[in-house]
C-alpha atoms as a PDB file:
ATOM      1  CA  UNK A   1      -5.334  10.666  -7.489  1.00  0.00           C
ATOM      2  CA  UNK A   2      -8.113   8.909  -5.610  1.00  0.00           C
ATOM      3  CA  UNK A   3      -8.834   7.698  -2.280  1.00  0.00           C
ATOM      4  CA  UNK A   4      -9.634   4.377  -1.412  1.00  0.00           C
ATOM      5  CA  UNK A   5     -11.878   3.111  -0.272  1.00  0.00           C
ATOM      6  CA  UNK A   6     -14.237   6.146  -0.779  1.00  0.00           C
ATOM      7  CA  UNK A   7     -13.779   9.956  -0.736  1.00  0.00           C
ATOM      8  CA  UNK A   8     -15.748   9.725   2.645  1.00  0.00           C
ATOM      9  CA  UNK A   9     -13.515   6.641   4.357  1.00  0.00           C
ATOM     10  CA  UNK A  10      -9.925   8.015   3.306  1.00  0.00           C
ATOM     11  CA  UNK A  11      -7.694   5.090   4.603  1.00  0.00           C
ATOM     12  CA  UNK A  12      -5.305   5.305   1.327  1.00  0.00           C
ATOM     13  CA  UNK A  13      -4.596   8.040  -1.031  1.00  0.00           C
ATOM     14  CA  UNK A  14      -3.380   6.556  -4.440  1.00  0.00           C
ATOM     15  CA  UNK A  15      -1.287   8.745  -7.080  1.00  0.00           C
ATOM     16  CA  UNK A  16      -0.723   6.459 -10.179  1.00  0.00           C
ATOM     17  CA  UNK A  17       2.662   6.565 -11.599  1.00  0.00           C
ATOM     18  CA  UNK A  18       3.697   6.580 -15.305  1.00  0.00           C
ATOM     19  CA  UNK A  19       2.919   3.641 -17.282  1.00  0.00           C
ATOM     20  CA  UNK A  20       4.890   2.288 -20.045  1.00  0.00           C
ATOM     21  CA  UNK A  21       3.510   0.661 -23.405  1.00  0.00           C
ATOM     22  CA  UNK A  22       5.834  -2.376 -23.111  1.00  0.00           C
ATOM     23  CA  UNK A  23       4.279  -3.468 -19.808  1.00  0.00           C
ATOM     24  CA  UNK A  24       0.450  -3.089 -20.198  1.00  0.00           C
ATOM     25  CA  UNK A  25      -0.322  -5.173 -17.444  1.00  0.00           C
ATOM     26  CA  UNK A  26       2.007  -3.605 -14.914  1.00  0.00           C
ATOM     27  CA  UNK A  27       0.885  -0.558 -12.653  1.00  0.00           C
ATOM     28  CA  UNK A  28       2.696   1.844 -10.292  1.00  0.00           C
ATOM     29  CA  UNK A  29       1.242   3.753  -7.532  1.00  0.00           C
ATOM     30  CA  UNK A  30       2.586   5.985  -5.018  1.00  0.00           C
ATOM     31  CA  UNK A  31       0.361   5.407  -1.813  1.00  0.00           C
ATOM     32  CA  UNK A  32      -0.258   7.526   1.228  1.00  0.00           C
ATOM     33  CA  UNK A  33      -1.534   6.156   4.451  1.00  0.00           C
ATOM     34  CA  UNK A  34      -4.290   8.655   5.620  1.00  0.00           C
ATOM     35  CA  UNK A  35      -5.805   6.630   8.414  1.00  0.00           C
ATOM     36  CA  UNK A  36      -4.066   6.361  11.642  1.00  0.00           C
ATOM     37  CA  UNK A  37      -6.330   3.615  13.226  1.00  0.00           C
ATOM     38  CA  UNK A  38      -4.692   0.243  13.808  1.00  0.00           C
ATOM     39  CA  UNK A  39      -7.048  -1.522  11.189  1.00  0.00           C
ATOM     40  CA  UNK A  40      -7.863   0.082   7.689  1.00  0.00           C
ATOM     41  CA  UNK A  41      -9.811  -1.090   4.878  1.00  0.00           C
ATOM     42  CA  UNK A  42      -8.589  -4.247   3.519  1.00  0.00           C
ATOM     43  CA  UNK A  43      -7.002  -4.586   0.031  1.00  0.00           C
ATOM     44  CA  UNK A  44      -7.052  -7.666  -2.375  1.00  0.00           C
ATOM     45  CA  UNK A  45      -5.280  -7.496  -5.694  1.00  0.00           C
ATOM     46  CA  UNK A  46      -5.353 -10.218  -8.302  1.00  0.00           C
ATOM     47  CA  UNK A  47      -1.761  -9.772  -9.170  1.00  0.00           C
ATOM     48  CA  UNK A  48       1.673  -9.999  -7.578  1.00  0.00           C
ATOM     49  CA  UNK A  49       2.665  -6.923  -5.521  1.00  0.00           C
ATOM     50  CA  UNK A  50       5.852  -5.262  -4.793  1.00  0.00           C
ATOM     51  CA  UNK A  51       5.980  -2.942  -1.973  1.00  0.00           C
ATOM     52  CA  UNK A  52       8.797  -0.347  -1.419  1.00  0.00           C
ATOM     53  CA  UNK A  53       8.842   1.823   1.960  1.00  0.00           C
ATOM     54  CA  UNK A  54      10.134   5.174   0.853  1.00  0.00           C
ATOM     55  CA  UNK A  55       9.477   6.837   4.581  1.00  0.00           C
ATOM     56  CA  UNK A  56      11.611   6.972   7.428  1.00  0.00           C
ATOM     57  CA  UNK A  57       9.327   5.093   9.713  1.00  0.00           C
ATOM     58  CA  UNK A  58       8.251   1.641   9.976  1.00  0.00           C
ATOM     59  CA  UNK A  59       4.944   0.645   7.996  1.00  0.00           C
ATOM     60  CA  UNK A  60       2.538  -1.749   9.974  1.00  0.00           C
ATOM     61  CA  UNK A  61       0.709  -4.380   7.725  1.00  0.00           C
ATOM     62  CA  UNK A  62      -1.479  -7.255   8.291  1.00  0.00           C
ATOM     63  CA  UNK A  63      -1.727 -10.214   5.928  1.00  0.00           C
ATOM     64  CA  UNK A  64      -3.850 -13.043   6.107  1.00  0.00           C
ATOM     65  CA  UNK A  65      -4.443 -11.915   9.827  1.00  0.00           C
ATOM     66  CA  UNK A  66      -0.892 -11.941  10.882  1.00  0.00           C
ATOM     67  CA  UNK A  67       0.731  -8.449  11.610  1.00  0.00           C
ATOM     68  CA  UNK A  68       4.312  -7.195  10.883  1.00  0.00           C
ATOM     69  CA  UNK A  69       6.018  -3.991   9.653  1.00  0.00           C
ATOM     70  CA  UNK A  70       7.890  -2.911   6.824  1.00  0.00           C
ATOM     71  CA  UNK A  71      11.082  -0.936   7.884  1.00  0.00           C
ATOM     72  CA  UNK A  72      12.233   2.154   5.998  1.00  0.00           C
ATOM     73  CA  UNK A  73      13.975   1.557   2.611  1.00  0.00           C
ATOM     74  CA  UNK A  74      12.808  -2.013   2.877  1.00  0.00           C
ATOM     75  CA  UNK A  75      10.708  -3.854   0.539  1.00  0.00           C
ATOM     76  CA  UNK A  76       8.240  -6.851   0.145  1.00  0.00           C
ATOM     77  CA  UNK A  77       5.984  -9.065  -1.818  1.00  0.00           C
ATOM     78  CA  UNK A  78       2.618 -10.033  -1.612  1.00  0.00           C
ATOM     79  CA  UNK A  79       1.104 -12.871  -3.702  1.00  0.00           C
ATOM     80  CA  UNK A  80      -2.176 -12.424  -5.558  1.00  0.00           C
ATOM     81  CA  UNK A  81      -5.533 -12.382  -3.874  1.00  0.00           C
ATOM     82  CA  UNK A  82      -3.713 -12.135  -0.333  1.00  0.00           C
ATOM     83  CA  UNK A  83      -6.280 -10.046   1.750  1.00  0.00           C
ATOM     84  CA  UNK A  84      -3.793  -7.315   3.371  1.00  0.00           C
ATOM     85  CA  UNK A  85      -4.189  -3.810   4.993  1.00  0.00           C
ATOM     86  CA  UNK A  86      -1.610  -1.291   5.707  1.00  0.00           C
ATOM     87  CA  UNK A  87      -2.026   1.121   8.896  1.00  0.00           C
ATOM     88  CA  UNK A  88       0.130   3.867  10.619  1.00  0.00           C
ATOM     89  CA  UNK A  89       0.305   4.239  14.728  1.00  0.00           C
ATOM     90  CA  UNK A  90       1.218   7.952  14.567  1.00  0.00           C
ATOM     91  CA  UNK A  91       0.190  11.112  12.849  1.00  0.00           C
ATOM     92  CA  UNK A  92       3.065  11.208  10.343  1.00  0.00           C
ATOM     93  CA  UNK A  93       2.093  10.391   6.566  1.00  0.00           C
ATOM     94  CA  UNK A  94       3.427   6.833   5.419  1.00  0.00           C
ATOM     95  CA  UNK A  95       4.248   6.803   1.961  1.00  0.00           C
ATOM     96  CA  UNK A  96       5.304   3.312  -0.083  1.00  0.00           C
ATOM     97  CA  UNK A  97       5.479   2.636  -3.595  1.00  0.00           C
ATOM     98  CA  UNK A  98       2.894  -0.359  -4.921  1.00  0.00           C
ATOM     99  CA  UNK A  99       3.743  -1.954  -8.091  1.00  0.00           C
ATOM    100  CA  UNK A 100       1.694  -4.756  -9.441  1.00  0.00           C
ATOM    101  CA  UNK A 101       2.440  -7.324 -12.387  1.00  0.00           C
END
Protein backbone atom coordinates (compact mmCIF):
# COMPACT_ATOMS: atom_id res chain seq x y z
CA UNK A 1 0.00 0.00 0.00
CA UNK A 2 1.14 3.55 -0.64
CA UNK A 3 -0.20 7.07 -0.78
CA UNK A 4 -0.12 9.26 -3.88
CA UNK A 5 1.37 11.77 -4.45
CA UNK A 6 3.25 11.43 -1.12
CA UNK A 7 2.90 10.39 2.51
CA UNK A 8 2.34 14.06 3.39
CA UNK A 9 -0.25 14.85 0.71
CA UNK A 10 -2.50 11.78 0.85
CA UNK A 11 -4.96 12.19 -2.03
CA UNK A 12 -5.11 8.51 -3.01
CA UNK A 13 -4.37 5.26 -1.20
CA UNK A 14 -3.23 2.57 -3.69
CA UNK A 15 -3.42 -1.10 -2.78
CA UNK A 16 -1.88 -3.33 -5.47
CA UNK A 17 -3.96 -6.38 -6.35
CA UNK A 18 -2.60 -9.75 -7.44
CA UNK A 19 -0.65 -9.85 -10.70
CA UNK A 20 -0.40 -12.92 -12.90
CA UNK A 21 2.61 -14.01 -15.00
CA UNK A 22 0.45 -14.49 -18.11
CA UNK A 23 -0.25 -10.72 -18.21
CA UNK A 24 3.05 -9.12 -17.14
CA UNK A 25 2.13 -5.61 -18.34
CA UNK A 26 -1.26 -5.52 -16.62
CA UNK A 27 -1.71 -4.11 -13.13
CA UNK A 28 -4.68 -3.86 -10.83
CA UNK A 29 -5.16 -1.54 -7.87
CA UNK A 30 -7.85 -0.84 -5.35
CA UNK A 31 -7.84 2.92 -4.86
CA UNK A 32 -9.36 4.83 -1.95
CA UNK A 33 -9.92 8.57 -2.31
CA UNK A 34 -8.60 10.22 0.84
CA UNK A 35 -8.85 13.90 -0.02
CA UNK A 36 -12.24 15.62 0.23
CA UNK A 37 -11.18 18.66 -1.78
CA UNK A 38 -12.82 19.28 -5.12
CA UNK A 39 -9.48 19.03 -6.89
CA UNK A 40 -6.86 16.43 -6.04
CA UNK A 41 -3.52 15.51 -7.56
CA UNK A 42 -3.70 14.68 -11.23
CA UNK A 43 -2.72 11.31 -12.64
CA UNK A 44 -1.25 10.70 -16.10
CA UNK A 45 -0.68 7.05 -16.95
CA UNK A 46 1.00 5.81 -20.19
CA UNK A 47 -1.34 2.81 -20.50
CA UNK A 48 -5.02 2.04 -21.04
CA UNK A 49 -7.07 2.33 -17.83
CA UNK A 50 -10.31 0.67 -16.82
CA UNK A 51 -12.02 2.11 -13.75
CA UNK A 52 -14.82 0.38 -11.78
CA UNK A 53 -16.74 2.20 -9.04
CA UNK A 54 -17.15 -0.26 -6.16
CA UNK A 55 -18.94 2.13 -3.84
CA UNK A 56 -22.54 3.15 -3.35
CA UNK A 57 -21.79 6.82 -4.11
CA UNK A 58 -20.83 8.50 -7.35
CA UNK A 59 -17.18 9.40 -7.90
CA UNK A 60 -16.40 12.78 -9.43
CA UNK A 61 -13.60 13.12 -11.95
CA UNK A 62 -11.88 15.56 -14.27
CA UNK A 63 -10.36 14.46 -17.59
CA UNK A 64 -8.76 17.04 -19.89
CA UNK A 65 -10.40 19.87 -17.88
CA UNK A 66 -13.90 18.35 -18.30
CA UNK A 67 -15.84 17.28 -15.20
CA UNK A 68 -18.03 14.23 -14.86
CA UNK A 69 -18.98 11.48 -12.45
CA UNK A 70 -18.99 7.71 -12.32
CA UNK A 71 -22.17 6.23 -10.88
CA UNK A 72 -22.10 3.40 -8.31
CA UNK A 73 -21.30 0.00 -9.84
CA UNK A 74 -20.41 1.66 -13.15
CA UNK A 75 -17.20 1.61 -15.17
CA UNK A 76 -15.22 3.78 -17.57
CA UNK A 77 -12.21 3.68 -19.89
CA UNK A 78 -9.42 6.28 -20.00
CA UNK A 79 -7.03 6.50 -22.95
CA UNK A 80 -3.26 6.53 -22.32
CA UNK A 81 -1.59 9.81 -21.30
CA UNK A 82 -4.86 11.61 -20.43
CA UNK A 83 -4.43 13.98 -17.49
CA UNK A 84 -7.15 13.15 -14.95
CA UNK A 85 -8.10 13.18 -11.28
CA UNK A 86 -10.80 11.76 -9.03
CA UNK A 87 -12.31 13.59 -6.09
CA UNK A 88 -15.02 13.23 -3.48
CA UNK A 89 -17.44 15.80 -2.13
CA UNK A 90 -18.37 14.20 1.21
CA UNK A 91 -16.59 12.63 4.16
CA UNK A 92 -17.22 9.02 3.01
CA UNK A 93 -14.31 6.98 1.67
CA UNK A 94 -14.69 6.22 -2.01
CA UNK A 95 -13.21 3.01 -3.41
CA UNK A 96 -12.69 2.00 -6.99
CA UNK A 97 -10.72 -0.56 -8.96
CA UNK A 98 -8.10 0.74 -11.38
CA UNK A 99 -6.71 -1.61 -14.07
CA UNK A 100 -3.92 -0.67 -16.46
CA UNK A 101 -3.11 -2.60 -19.62
